[in-house]
Amino acid sequence: MAKYIAKRLGYIVFVFFIISMIIFGLYSAVPGDRALLKVSAQRDKLTEEQFQMSYQRARAELGLDDPVPIRYLKWMKNILTLDFGTSSTYKQPVIDVVKTPMKNTIFINIFATILALAITIPLGIRCAVKKYSKFDNAVQVVTIVGYSVPTFIIALVFIFLFAVKLKWFPVSGMNTPNFQGTGFAFFLDRMKYLALPLLVMTVGSLGGMTRYVRVAMIDALRMDYVRTARAKGLKEKTVIYSHAWRNALLPVITLIIGWFLSIFSGSLILESMFALNGMGKLYIKALSDMDYDLAMAINLFYVVVSLVGNLIVDLSYGIVDPRIRINK
């Protein structure tokens, strides 16, 4: 196991550097002059000569006069020391800018993930056990509709129904403006604002996961070991949850872990629609403002999460299925 993990970590480091080169190369090739953008607000306050001096100073600070390979090496040296640069939009270190959006994204998506898994796993198992029954057919129709409808359409429908018509939830924001409460009162106020986006995210993810669990369970219930367990006189719940579900979990675990890891990325569409201060919205703003230090740092974080997530998926196979050994 240790040898396998060491090999995979070496692979992760190698892939990380390759992808970082690609990311840096792509952002370096984007049209636009970052130095000019940085000093453009001073144009009306300075003479032409002073403005040119300020512009050249900005180019030197950003390293734009160096060749791309040299700029990459300087950037990567800073990254390895956890110096992600300074955001040109927020005038703060990048690592400080992402703290609050990261916390908000994780908070929102953990709730949505737990709710969705708590619903989809039992629902998928029941559909597999009651295969082709009226209950199963009804669930399949609903999940097909849910899987086919884009998330932003679901969001628009829910906003119209629960915010405009019923007036149960606010349309956007994360807290009441100028809210002074603390502790549990602050939590309740935040949940009031997050209830609608959480509902949209949960409903939007039900269809795919439910159908995936159903198919995996149907395949597991057809296996000979399930027939043997039933022939031994074991209770049906024991057959389903101790025998069939553990084996069905192997193909499902990839989707579950990948889904859980996606909590760090945020939702570009939903965070914009509901005005949530999350990673997705921050990334879009960084791109639109040409805040490349911030955008590249977010990209690198996604790369690390994806690479580590793949390692976790591989290791989880050996935990879920004892027939799999990853010690070579």
C-alpha atoms as a PDB file:
ATOM      1  CA  MET A   1       0.000   0.000   0.000  1.00  0.00           C
ATOM      2  CA  ALA A   2       2.755   2.474   0.976  1.00  0.00           C
ATOM      3  CA  LYS A   3       4.648   1.756  -2.255  1.00  0.00           C
ATOM      4  CA  TYR A   4       1.514   2.293  -4.309  1.00  0.00           C
ATOM      5  CA  ILE A   5       0.712   5.585  -2.564  1.00  0.00           C
ATOM      6  CA  ALA A   6       4.300   6.786  -3.061  1.00  0.00           C
ATOM      7  CA  LYS A   7       4.074   6.026  -6.786  1.00  0.00           C
ATOM      8  CA  ARG A   8       0.763   7.833  -7.100  1.00  0.00           C
ATOM      9  CA  LEU A   9       2.080  10.857  -5.213  1.00  0.00           C
ATOM     10  CA  GLY A  10       4.998  11.012  -7.639  1.00  0.00           C
ATOM     11  CA  TYR A  11       2.502  10.831 -10.492  1.00  0.00           C
ATOM     12  CA  ILE A  12       0.442  13.607  -8.906  1.00  0.00           C
ATOM     13  CA  VAL A  13       3.493  15.885  -8.614  1.00  0.00           C
ATOM     14  CA  PHE A  14       4.477  15.224 -12.242  1.00  0.00           C
ATOM     15  CA  VAL A  15       0.969  15.892 -13.580  1.00  0.00           C
ATOM     16  CA  PHE A  16       0.622  18.982 -11.379  1.00  0.00           C
ATOM     17  CA  PHE A  17       3.695  20.596 -12.914  1.00  0.00           C
ATOM     18  CA  ILE A  18       2.625  19.695 -16.461  1.00  0.00           C
ATOM     19  CA  ILE A  19      -0.844  21.173 -15.952  1.00  0.00           C
ATOM     20  CA  SER A  20       0.593  24.243 -14.222  1.00  0.00           C
ATOM     21  CA  MET A  21       2.741  24.895 -17.301  1.00  0.00           C
ATOM     22  CA  ILE A  22      -0.322  24.630 -19.526  1.00  0.00           C
ATOM     23  CA  ILE A  23      -2.359  26.945 -17.285  1.00  0.00           C
ATOM     24  CA  PHE A  24       0.418  29.548 -17.126  1.00  0.00           C
ATOM     25  CA  GLY A  25       0.954  29.355 -20.880  1.00  0.00           C
ATOM     26  CA  LEU A  26      -2.753  29.827 -21.603  1.00  0.00           C
ATOM     27  CA  TYR A  27      -3.106  32.828 -19.293  1.00  0.00           C
ATOM     28  CA  SER A  28       0.092  34.359 -20.700  1.00  0.00           C
ATOM     29  CA  ALA A  29      -1.373  34.090 -24.207  1.00  0.00           C
ATOM     30  CA  VAL A  30      -4.619  35.876 -23.285  1.00  0.00           C
ATOM     31  CA  PRO A  31      -4.861  39.226 -25.129  1.00  0.00           C
ATOM     32  CA  GLY A  32      -4.568  42.323 -22.971  1.00  0.00           C
ATOM     33  CA  ASP A  33      -1.967  44.279 -21.060  1.00  0.00           C
ATOM     34  CA  ARG A  34      -2.096  43.667 -17.315  1.00  0.00           C
ATOM     35  CA  ALA A  35       0.339  46.467 -16.582  1.00  0.00           C
ATOM     36  CA  LEU A  36      -1.744  48.978 -18.534  1.00  0.00           C
ATOM     37  CA  LEU A  37      -4.875  47.804 -16.719  1.00  0.00           C
ATOM     38  CA  LYS A  38      -3.115  48.260 -13.396  1.00  0.00           C
ATOM     39  CA  VAL A  39      -2.086  51.891 -14.018  1.00  0.00           C
ATOM     40  CA  SER A  40      -4.945  53.034 -16.260  1.00  0.00           C
ATOM     41  CA  ALA A  41      -6.720  54.769 -13.342  1.00  0.00           C
ATOM     42  CA  GLN A  42      -3.698  57.109 -12.987  1.00  0.00           C
ATOM     43  CA  ARG A  43      -3.739  58.375 -16.568  1.00  0.00           C
ATOM     44  CA  ASP A  44      -5.748  61.543 -15.806  1.00  0.00           C
ATOM     45  CA  LYS A  45      -3.629  62.359 -12.748  1.00  0.00           C
ATOM     46  CA  LEU A  46      -0.175  62.101 -14.333  1.00  0.00           C
ATOM     47  CA  THR A  47       1.642  63.638 -17.230  1.00  0.00           C
ATOM     48  CA  GLU A  48       2.399  61.430 -20.215  1.00  0.00           C
ATOM     49  CA  GLU A  49       6.016  61.005 -19.119  1.00  0.00           C
ATOM     50  CA  GLN A  50       5.023  60.128 -15.550  1.00  0.00           C
ATOM     51  CA  PHE A  51       2.379  57.729 -16.813  1.00  0.00           C
ATOM     52  CA  GLN A  52       4.920  55.922 -19.023  1.00  0.00           C
ATOM     53  CA  MET A  53       7.299  55.632 -16.088  1.00  0.00           C
ATOM     54  CA  SER A  54       4.501  54.219 -13.948  1.00  0.00           C
ATOM     55  CA  TYR A  55       3.575  51.831 -16.750  1.00  0.00           C
ATOM     56  CA  GLN A  56       7.145  50.551 -17.136  1.00  0.00           C
ATOM     57  CA  ARG A  57       7.388  50.141 -13.369  1.00  0.00           C
ATOM     58  CA  ALA A  58       4.198  48.055 -13.391  1.00  0.00           C
ATOM     59  CA  ARG A  59       5.569  45.860 -16.186  1.00  0.00           C
ATOM     60  CA  ALA A  60       8.719  45.283 -14.162  1.00  0.00           C
ATOM     61  CA  GLU A  61       6.727  44.418 -11.032  1.00  0.00           C
ATOM     62  CA  LEU A  62       4.579  41.939 -12.958  1.00  0.00           C
ATOM     63  CA  GLY A  63       7.616  40.499 -14.738  1.00  0.00           C
ATOM     64  CA  LEU A  64       6.075  41.065 -18.169  1.00  0.00           C
ATOM     65  CA  ASP A  65       9.443  41.975 -19.716  1.00  0.00           C
ATOM     66  CA  ASP A  66      10.873  38.519 -18.948  1.00  0.00           C
ATOM     67  CA  PRO A  67      10.458  35.515 -21.290  1.00  0.00           C
ATOM     68  CA  VAL A  68       7.520  33.232 -20.505  1.00  0.00           C
ATOM     69  CA  PRO A  69       9.701  30.340 -19.148  1.00  0.00           C
ATOM     70  CA  ILE A  70      11.424  32.705 -16.686  1.00  0.00           C
ATOM     71  CA  ARG A  71       8.090  34.129 -15.590  1.00  0.00           C
ATOM     72  CA  TYR A  72       6.761  30.612 -15.064  1.00  0.00           C
ATOM     73  CA  LEU A  73       9.729  29.615 -12.891  1.00  0.00           C
ATOM     74  CA  LYS A  74       9.331  32.740 -10.739  1.00  0.00           C
ATOM     75  CA  TRP A  75       5.588  32.136 -10.423  1.00  0.00           C
ATOM     76  CA  MET A  76       6.040  28.476  -9.499  1.00  0.00           C
ATOM     77  CA  LYS A  77       8.719  29.356  -6.937  1.00  0.00           C
ATOM     78  CA  ASN A  78       6.217  31.645  -5.246  1.00  0.00           C
ATOM     79  CA  ILE A  79       3.471  29.015  -5.461  1.00  0.00           C
ATOM     80  CA  LEU A  80       5.669  26.430  -3.708  1.00  0.00           C
ATOM     81  CA  THR A  81       6.132  28.891  -0.828  1.00  0.00           C
ATOM     82  CA  LEU A  82       2.332  29.417  -0.707  1.00  0.00           C
ATOM     83  CA  ASP A  83       2.644  32.918  -2.132  1.00  0.00           C
ATOM     84  CA  PHE A  84      -0.140  33.060  -4.732  1.00  0.00           C
ATOM     85  CA  GLY A  85       0.365  36.709  -5.526  1.00  0.00           C
ATOM     86  CA  THR A  86      -1.837  39.746  -4.964  1.00  0.00           C
ATOM     87  CA  SER A  87      -5.298  40.198  -6.419  1.00  0.00           C
ATOM     88  CA  SER A  88      -5.396  43.220  -8.717  1.00  0.00           C
ATOM     89  CA  THR A  89      -9.125  43.613  -8.071  1.00  0.00           C
ATOM     90  CA  TYR A  90      -9.232  43.303  -4.284  1.00  0.00           C
ATOM     91  CA  LYS A  91      -5.700  44.660  -3.578  1.00  0.00           C
ATOM     92  CA  GLN A  92      -5.168  41.814  -1.110  1.00  0.00           C
ATOM     93  CA  PRO A  93      -3.144  38.585  -1.105  1.00  0.00           C
ATOM     94  CA  VAL A  94      -4.947  35.913  -3.122  1.00  0.00           C
ATOM     95  CA  ILE A  95      -4.932  33.476  -0.203  1.00  0.00           C
ATOM     96  CA  ASP A  96      -6.922  36.020   1.864  1.00  0.00           C
ATOM     97  CA  VAL A  97      -9.372  36.736  -0.961  1.00  0.00           C
ATOM     98  CA  VAL A  98     -10.427  33.088  -1.370  1.00  0.00           C
ATOM     99  CA  LYS A  99     -10.952  32.312   2.340  1.00  0.00           C
ATOM    100  CA  THR A 100     -14.534  33.540   2.685  1.00  0.00           C
ATOM    101  CA  PRO A 101     -15.810  32.285  -0.724  1.00  0.00           C
ATOM    102  CA  MET A 102     -14.208  28.892  -0.023  1.00  0.00           C
ATOM    103  CA  LYS A 103     -15.938  28.606   3.350  1.00  0.00           C
ATOM    104  CA  ASN A 104     -19.276  29.596   1.815  1.00  0.00           C
ATOM    105  CA  THR A 105     -18.956  27.130  -1.067  1.00  0.00           C
ATOM    106  CA  ILE A 106     -18.039  24.237   1.232  1.00  0.00           C
ATOM    107  CA  PHE A 107     -20.829  25.137   3.678  1.00  0.00           C
ATOM    108  CA  ILE A 108     -23.484  25.268   0.944  1.00  0.00           C
ATOM    109  CA  ASN A 109     -22.393  22.181  -0.956  1.00  0.00           C
ATOM    110  CA  ILE A 110     -21.850  19.926   2.060  1.00  0.00           C
ATOM    111  CA  PHE A 111     -25.489  20.485   3.026  1.00  0.00           C
ATOM    112  CA  ALA A 112     -26.659  19.789  -0.528  1.00  0.00           C
ATOM    113  CA  THR A 113     -24.469  16.677  -0.844  1.00  0.00           C
ATOM    114  CA  ILE A 114     -25.616  15.153   2.448  1.00  0.00           C
ATOM    115  CA  LEU A 115     -29.279  15.815   1.632  1.00  0.00           C
ATOM    116  CA  ALA A 116     -28.965  14.390  -1.869  1.00  0.00           C
ATOM    117  CA  LEU A 117     -27.149  11.216  -0.737  1.00  0.00           C
ATOM    118  CA  ALA A 118     -29.629  10.693   2.100  1.00  0.00           C
ATOM    119  CA  ILE A 119     -32.435  10.686  -0.478  1.00  0.00           C
ATOM    120  CA  THR A 120     -30.898   9.081  -3.578  1.00  0.00           C
ATOM    121  CA  ILE A 121     -29.219   6.030  -2.018  1.00  0.00           C
ATOM    122  CA  PRO A 122     -32.327   4.649  -0.222  1.00  0.00           C
ATOM    123  CA  LEU A 123     -34.496   5.638  -3.214  1.00  0.00           C
ATOM    124  CA  GLY A 124     -32.191   3.916  -5.724  1.00  0.00           C
ATOM    125  CA  ILE A 125     -32.017   0.764  -3.602  1.00  0.00           C
ATOM    126  CA  ARG A 126     -35.811   0.605  -3.232  1.00  0.00           C
ATOM    127  CA  CYS A 127     -36.287   1.116  -6.978  1.00  0.00           C
ATOM    128  CA  ALA A 128     -33.900  -1.781  -7.673  1.00  0.00           C
ATOM    129  CA  VAL A 129     -35.644  -4.064  -5.192  1.00  0.00           C
ATOM    130  CA  LYS A 130     -39.095  -3.091  -6.558  1.00  0.00           C
ATOM    131  CA  LYS A 131     -37.915  -3.183 -10.165  1.00  0.00           C
ATOM    132  CA  TYR A 132     -40.612  -2.477 -12.795  1.00  0.00           C
ATOM    133  CA  SER A 133     -43.257  -1.832 -10.133  1.00  0.00           C
ATOM    134  CA  LYS A 134     -45.516   1.217 -10.256  1.00  0.00           C
ATOM    135  CA  PHE A 135     -43.277   2.898  -7.662  1.00  0.00           C
ATOM    136  CA  ASP A 136     -40.169   2.231  -9.744  1.00  0.00           C
ATOM    137  CA  ASN A 137     -41.792   3.429 -12.967  1.00  0.00           C
ATOM    138  CA  ALA A 138     -43.012   6.632 -11.312  1.00  0.00           C
ATOM    139  CA  VAL A 139     -39.561   7.362  -9.876  1.00  0.00           C
ATOM    140  CA  GLN A 140     -37.924   6.692 -13.247  1.00  0.00           C
ATOM    141  CA  VAL A 141     -40.200   9.200 -14.963  1.00  0.00           C
ATOM    142  CA  VAL A 142     -39.482  11.857 -12.331  1.00  0.00           C
ATOM    143  CA  THR A 143     -35.706  11.224 -12.395  1.00  0.00           C
ATOM    144  CA  ILE A 144     -35.583  11.371 -16.201  1.00  0.00           C
ATOM    145  CA  VAL A 145     -37.303  14.760 -16.093  1.00  0.00           C
ATOM    146  CA  GLY A 146     -35.001  15.963 -13.316  1.00  0.00           C
ATOM    147  CA  TYR A 147     -31.908  14.682 -15.096  1.00  0.00           C
ATOM    148  CA  SER A 148     -32.909  16.285 -18.389  1.00  0.00           C
ATOM    149  CA  VAL A 149     -33.916  19.735 -17.141  1.00  0.00           C
ATOM    150  CA  PRO A 150     -30.941  22.141 -16.710  1.00  0.00           C
ATOM    151  CA  THR A 151     -30.255  23.341 -13.184  1.00  0.00           C
ATOM    152  CA  PHE A 152     -30.860  26.986 -14.038  1.00  0.00           C
ATOM    153  CA  ILE A 153     -34.365  26.117 -15.307  1.00  0.00           C
ATOM    154  CA  ILE A 154     -35.106  24.383 -12.007  1.00  0.00           C
ATOM    155  CA  ALA A 155     -33.764  27.474 -10.228  1.00  0.00           C
ATOM    156  CA  LEU A 156     -36.040  29.807 -12.210  1.00  0.00           C
ATOM    157  CA  VAL A 157     -39.097  27.643 -11.508  1.00  0.00           C
ATOM    158  CA  PHE A 158     -38.315  27.440  -7.789  1.00  0.00           C
ATOM    159  CA  ILE A 159     -37.654  31.188  -7.567  1.00  0.00           C
ATOM    160  CA  PHE A 160     -41.009  31.910  -9.187  1.00  0.00           C
ATOM    161  CA  LEU A 161     -42.843  29.392  -7.013  1.00  0.00           C
ATOM    162  CA  PHE A 162     -41.229  29.757  -3.566  1.00  0.00           C
ATOM    163  CA  ALA A 163     -39.927  33.346  -3.676  1.00  0.00           C
ATOM    164  CA  VAL A 164     -42.353  35.248  -5.921  1.00  0.00           C
ATOM    165  CA  LYS A 165     -45.659  33.432  -5.412  1.00  0.00           C
ATOM    166  CA  LEU A 166     -45.425  31.868  -1.951  1.00  0.00           C
ATOM    167  CA  LYS A 167     -42.846  34.371  -0.612  1.00  0.00           C
ATOM    168  CA  TRP A 168     -41.287  31.714   1.621  1.00  0.00           C
ATOM    169  CA  PHE A 169     -37.651  32.477   0.837  1.00  0.00           C
ATOM    170  CA  PRO A 170     -35.591  35.495  -0.275  1.00  0.00           C
ATOM    171  CA  VAL A 171     -34.524  35.586  -3.920  1.00  0.00           C
ATOM    172  CA  SER A 172     -30.814  36.293  -3.431  1.00  0.00           C
ATOM    173  CA  GLY A 173     -28.087  37.055  -0.932  1.00  0.00           C
ATOM    174  CA  MET A 174     -26.617  35.168   2.009  1.00  0.00           C
ATOM    175  CA  ASN A 175     -27.884  37.204   4.970  1.00  0.00           C
ATOM    176  CA  THR A 176     -30.289  39.997   5.802  1.00  0.00           C
ATOM    177  CA  PRO A 177     -28.604  43.359   5.058  1.00  0.00           C
ATOM    178  CA  ASN A 178     -27.079  44.910   8.201  1.00  0.00           C
ATOM    179  CA  PHE A 179     -28.055  41.873  10.269  1.00  0.00           C
ATOM    180  CA  GLN A 180     -26.560  42.304  13.753  1.00  0.00           C
ATOM    181  CA  GLY A 181     -27.353  38.919  15.278  1.00  0.00           C
ATOM    182  CA  THR A 182     -24.676  36.381  16.218  1.00  0.00           C
ATOM    183  CA  GLY A 183     -24.452  32.690  16.947  1.00  0.00           C
ATOM    184  CA  PHE A 184     -27.601  30.656  16.339  1.00  0.00           C
ATOM    185  CA  ALA A 185     -29.616  33.704  15.223  1.00  0.00           C
ATOM    186  CA  PHE A 186     -27.030  34.399  12.521  1.00  0.00           C
ATOM    187  CA  PHE A 187     -27.136  30.736  11.454  1.00  0.00           C
ATOM    188  CA  LEU A 188     -30.935  30.751  11.158  1.00  0.00           C
ATOM    189  CA  ASP A 189     -30.872  33.963   9.121  1.00  0.00           C
ATOM    190  CA  ARG A 190     -28.265  32.498   6.767  1.00  0.00           C
ATOM    191  CA  MET A 191     -30.187  29.242   6.347  1.00  0.00           C
ATOM    192  CA  LYS A 192     -33.296  31.263   5.461  1.00  0.00           C
ATOM    193  CA  TYR A 193     -31.365  32.767   2.524  1.00  0.00           C
ATOM    194  CA  LEU A 194     -29.627  29.509   1.577  1.00  0.00           C
ATOM    195  CA  ALA A 195     -32.725  27.302   1.739  1.00  0.00           C
ATOM    196  CA  LEU A 196     -33.776  28.017  -1.852  1.00  0.00           C
ATOM    197  CA  PRO A 197     -30.355  27.433  -3.508  1.00  0.00           C
ATOM    198  CA  LEU A 198     -29.880  24.323  -1.355  1.00  0.00           C
ATOM    199  CA  LEU A 199     -33.264  23.022  -2.502  1.00  0.00           C
ATOM    200  CA  VAL A 200     -32.365  23.669  -6.148  1.00  0.00           C
ATOM    201  CA  MET A 201     -28.975  21.966  -5.840  1.00  0.00           C
ATOM    202  CA  THR A 202     -30.472  18.933  -4.106  1.00  0.00           C
ATOM    203  CA  VAL A 203     -33.325  18.485  -6.578  1.00  0.00           C
ATOM    204  CA  GLY A 204     -30.985  19.006  -9.517  1.00  0.00           C
ATOM    205  CA  SER A 205     -28.721  16.166  -8.390  1.00  0.00           C
ATOM    206  CA  LEU A 206     -31.398  13.587  -7.514  1.00  0.00           C
ATOM    207  CA  GLY A 207     -32.025  12.223 -10.997  1.00  0.00           C
ATOM    208  CA  GLY A 208     -28.536  11.128 -12.011  1.00  0.00           C
ATOM    209  CA  MET A 209     -27.506   9.596  -8.686  1.00  0.00           C
ATOM    210  CA  THR A 210     -30.805   7.753  -8.167  1.00  0.00           C
ATOM    211  CA  ARG A 211     -30.595   6.113 -11.590  1.00  0.00           C
ATOM    212  CA  TYR A 212     -26.932   5.251 -11.073  1.00  0.00           C
ATOM    213  CA  VAL A 213     -27.608   3.542  -7.712  1.00  0.00           C
ATOM    214  CA  ARG A 214     -30.599   1.706  -9.175  1.00  0.00           C
ATOM    215  CA  VAL A 215     -28.599   0.225 -12.073  1.00  0.00           C
ATOM    216  CA  ALA A 216     -25.731  -0.817  -9.804  1.00  0.00           C
ATOM    217  CA  MET A 217     -28.121  -2.516  -7.374  1.00  0.00           C
ATOM    218  CA  ILE A 218     -30.002  -4.322 -10.144  1.00  0.00           C
ATOM    219  CA  ASP A 219     -26.713  -5.783 -11.403  1.00  0.00           C
ATOM    220  CA  ALA A 220     -25.700  -6.817  -7.882  1.00  0.00           C
ATOM    221  CA  LEU A 221     -29.052  -8.475  -7.151  1.00  0.00           C
ATOM    222  CA  ARG A 222     -28.621 -10.685 -10.224  1.00  0.00           C
ATOM    223  CA  MET A 223     -25.368 -12.201  -8.973  1.00  0.00           C
ATOM    224  CA  ASP A 224     -25.052 -15.796  -7.791  1.00  0.00           C
ATOM    225  CA  TYR A 225     -23.901 -14.829  -4.285  1.00  0.00           C
ATOM    226  CA  VAL A 226     -27.255 -13.068  -3.735  1.00  0.00           C
ATOM    227  CA  ARG A 227     -29.148 -16.216  -4.750  1.00  0.00           C
ATOM    228  CA  THR A 228     -26.908 -18.231  -2.418  1.00  0.00           C
ATOM    229  CA  ALA A 229     -27.548 -15.856   0.471  1.00  0.00           C
ATOM    230  CA  ARG A 230     -31.294 -16.121  -0.075  1.00  0.00           C
ATOM    231  CA  ALA A 231     -31.064 -19.907  -0.333  1.00  0.00           C
ATOM    232  CA  LYS A 232     -29.370 -19.963   3.072  1.00  0.00           C
ATOM    233  CA  GLY A 233     -32.465 -18.349   4.537  1.00  0.00           C
ATOM    234  CA  LEU A 234     -30.961 -14.968   5.348  1.00  0.00           C
ATOM    235  CA  LYS A 235     -33.335 -12.096   5.946  1.00  0.00           C
ATOM    236  CA  GLU A 236     -34.061  -9.965   2.875  1.00  0.00           C
ATOM    237  CA  LYS A 237     -32.658  -6.834   4.531  1.00  0.00           C
ATOM    238  CA  THR A 238     -29.409  -8.676   5.247  1.00  0.00           C
ATOM    239  CA  VAL A 239     -29.229  -9.854   1.638  1.00  0.00           C
ATOM    240  CA  ILE A 240     -29.870  -6.375   0.273  1.00  0.00           C
ATOM    241  CA  TYR A 241     -27.728  -4.231   2.553  1.00  0.00           C
ATOM    242  CA  SER A 242     -24.940  -6.621   3.644  1.00  0.00           C
ATOM    243  CA  HIS A 243     -24.411  -8.505   0.393  1.00  0.00           C
ATOM    244  CA  ALA A 244     -25.862  -6.676  -2.624  1.00  0.00           C
ATOM    245  CA  TRP A 245     -25.331  -3.058  -1.567  1.00  0.00           C
ATOM    246  CA  ARG A 246     -21.669  -3.478  -0.599  1.00  0.00           C
ATOM    247  CA  ASN A 247     -20.858  -4.938  -4.009  1.00  0.00           C
ATOM    248  CA  ALA A 248     -23.025  -2.366  -5.792  1.00  0.00           C
ATOM    249  CA  LEU A 249     -21.129   0.360  -3.948  1.00  0.00           C
ATOM    250  CA  LEU A 250     -17.963  -0.261  -5.956  1.00  0.00           C
ATOM    251  CA  PRO A 251     -19.149   1.370  -9.222  1.00  0.00           C
ATOM    252  CA  VAL A 252     -21.125   3.978  -7.270  1.00  0.00           C
ATOM    253  CA  ILE A 253     -18.237   5.100  -5.081  1.00  0.00           C
ATOM    254  CA  THR A 254     -16.468   6.803  -7.966  1.00  0.00           C
ATOM    255  CA  LEU A 255     -19.491   8.989  -8.582  1.00  0.00           C
ATOM    256  CA  ILE A 256     -20.062   9.672  -4.881  1.00  0.00           C
ATOM    257  CA  ILE A 257     -16.472  10.721  -4.138  1.00  0.00           C
ATOM    258  CA  GLY A 258     -16.221  12.760  -7.331  1.00  0.00           C
ATOM    259  CA  TRP A 259     -19.487  14.430  -6.442  1.00  0.00           C
ATOM    260  CA  PHE A 260     -18.297  15.166  -2.905  1.00  0.00           C
ATOM    261  CA  LEU A 261     -15.014  16.633  -4.159  1.00  0.00           C
ATOM    262  CA  SER A 262     -16.948  18.983  -6.419  1.00  0.00           C
ATOM    263  CA  ILE A 263     -18.066  20.915  -3.311  1.00  0.00           C
ATOM    264  CA  PHE A 264     -14.821  22.885  -3.613  1.00  0.00           C
ATOM    265  CA  SER A 265     -15.542  24.140  -7.100  1.00  0.00           C
ATOM    266  CA  GLY A 266     -18.848  25.866  -6.520  1.00  0.00           C
ATOM    267  CA  SER A 267     -21.598  26.393  -9.040  1.00  0.00           C
ATOM    268  CA  LEU A 268     -20.989  29.148 -11.572  1.00  0.00           C
ATOM    269  CA  ILE A 269     -24.644  29.475 -12.554  1.00  0.00           C
ATOM    270  CA  LEU A 270     -26.374  29.099  -9.181  1.00  0.00           C
ATOM    271  CA  GLU A 271     -23.942  31.338  -7.321  1.00  0.00           C
ATOM    272  CA  SER A 272     -24.534  34.054  -9.900  1.00  0.00           C
ATOM    273  CA  MET A 273     -28.320  33.600  -9.926  1.00  0.00           C
ATOM    274  CA  PHE A 274     -28.644  33.711  -6.134  1.00  0.00           C
ATOM    275  CA  ALA A 275     -25.806  36.247  -5.579  1.00  0.00           C
ATOM    276  CA  LEU A 276     -23.851  33.839  -3.393  1.00  0.00           C
ATOM    277  CA  ASN A 277     -20.285  34.724  -2.457  1.00  0.00           C
ATOM    278  CA  GLY A 278     -18.698  31.436  -3.532  1.00  0.00           C
ATOM    279  CA  MET A 279     -15.758  30.095  -5.519  1.00  0.00           C
ATOM    280  CA  GLY A 280     -17.639  29.857  -8.798  1.00  0.00           C
ATOM    281  CA  LYS A 281     -18.716  33.482  -8.744  1.00  0.00           C
ATOM    282  CA  LEU A 282     -15.246  34.574  -7.606  1.00  0.00           C
ATOM    283  CA  TYR A 283     -13.634  32.733 -10.517  1.00  0.00           C
ATOM    284  CA  ILE A 284     -15.924  34.372 -13.076  1.00  0.00           C
ATOM    285  CA  LYS A 285     -15.191  37.804 -11.580  1.00  0.00           C
ATOM    286  CA  ALA A 286     -11.450  37.125 -11.644  1.00  0.00           C
ATOM    287  CA  LEU A 287     -11.623  36.263 -15.352  1.00  0.00           C
ATOM    288  CA  SER A 288     -13.775  39.259 -16.255  1.00  0.00           C
ATOM    289  CA  ASP A 289     -11.473  41.631 -14.329  1.00  0.00           C
ATOM    290  CA  MET A 290      -8.305  40.058 -15.802  1.00  0.00           C
ATOM    291  CA  ASP A 291      -7.216  39.224 -12.255  1.00  0.00           C
ATOM    292  CA  TYR A 292      -4.955  36.426 -13.454  1.00  0.00           C
ATOM    293  CA  ASP A 293      -3.112  35.750 -10.185  1.00  0.00           C
ATOM    294  CA  LEU A 294      -6.441  34.998  -8.527  1.00  0.00           C
ATOM    295  CA  ALA A 295      -7.779  32.998 -11.494  1.00  0.00           C
ATOM    296  CA  MET A 296      -4.621  30.860 -11.803  1.00  0.00           C
ATOM    297  CA  ALA A 297      -4.596  30.164  -8.052  1.00  0.00           C
ATOM    298  CA  ILE A 298      -8.209  28.945  -8.240  1.00  0.00           C
ATOM    299  CA  ASN A 299      -7.349  26.787 -11.255  1.00  0.00           C
ATOM    300  CA  LEU A 300      -4.387  25.222  -9.455  1.00  0.00           C
ATOM    301  CA  PHE A 301      -6.540  24.484  -6.435  1.00  0.00           C
ATOM    302  CA  TYR A 302      -9.039  22.651  -8.651  1.00  0.00           C
ATOM    303  CA  VAL A 303      -6.156  20.660 -10.179  1.00  0.00           C
ATOM    304  CA  VAL A 304      -4.899  19.568  -6.748  1.00  0.00           C
ATOM    305  CA  VAL A 305      -8.404  18.598  -5.617  1.00  0.00           C
ATOM    306  CA  SER A 306      -8.938  16.524  -8.788  1.00  0.00           C
ATOM    307  CA  LEU A 307      -5.597  14.717  -8.514  1.00  0.00           C
ATOM    308  CA  VAL A 308      -5.996  13.944  -4.815  1.00  0.00           C
ATOM    309  CA  GLY A 309      -9.601  12.906  -5.495  1.00  0.00           C
ATOM    310  CA  ASN A 310      -8.467  10.322  -8.055  1.00  0.00           C
ATOM    311  CA  LEU A 311      -6.062   8.877  -5.475  1.00  0.00           C
ATOM    312  CA  ILE A 312      -8.844   8.686  -2.882  1.00  0.00           C
ATOM    313  CA  VAL A 313     -11.106   6.897  -5.363  1.00  0.00           C
ATOM    314  CA  ASP A 314      -8.446   4.283  -6.106  1.00  0.00           C
ATOM    315  CA  LEU A 315      -7.718   3.697  -2.426  1.00  0.00           C
ATOM    316  CA  SER A 316     -11.409   3.449  -1.611  1.00  0.00           C
ATOM    317  CA  TYR A 317     -11.767   0.522  -4.026  1.00  0.00           C
ATOM    318  CA  GLY A 318      -9.583  -1.609  -1.789  1.00  0.00           C
ATOM    319  CA  ILE A 319     -11.593  -0.618   1.277  1.00  0.00           C
ATOM    320  CA  VAL A 320     -15.008  -1.297  -0.253  1.00  0.00           C
ATOM    321  CA  ASP A 321     -14.096  -4.487  -2.120  1.00  0.00           C
ATOM    322  CA  PRO A 322     -11.689  -6.857  -0.293  1.00  0.00           C
ATOM    323  CA  ARG A 323     -11.030  -8.661  -3.597  1.00  0.00           C
ATOM    324  CA  ILE A 324      -9.075  -5.613  -4.784  1.00  0.00           C
ATOM    325  CA  ARG A 325      -5.554  -5.155  -3.505  1.00  0.00           C
ATOM    326  CA  ILE A 326      -3.455  -2.160  -4.431  1.00  0.00           C
ATOM    327  CA  ASN A 327      -0.147  -3.167  -2.870  1.00  0.00           C
ATOM    328  CA  LYS A 328       1.762  -3.556  -6.119  1.00  0.00           C
END
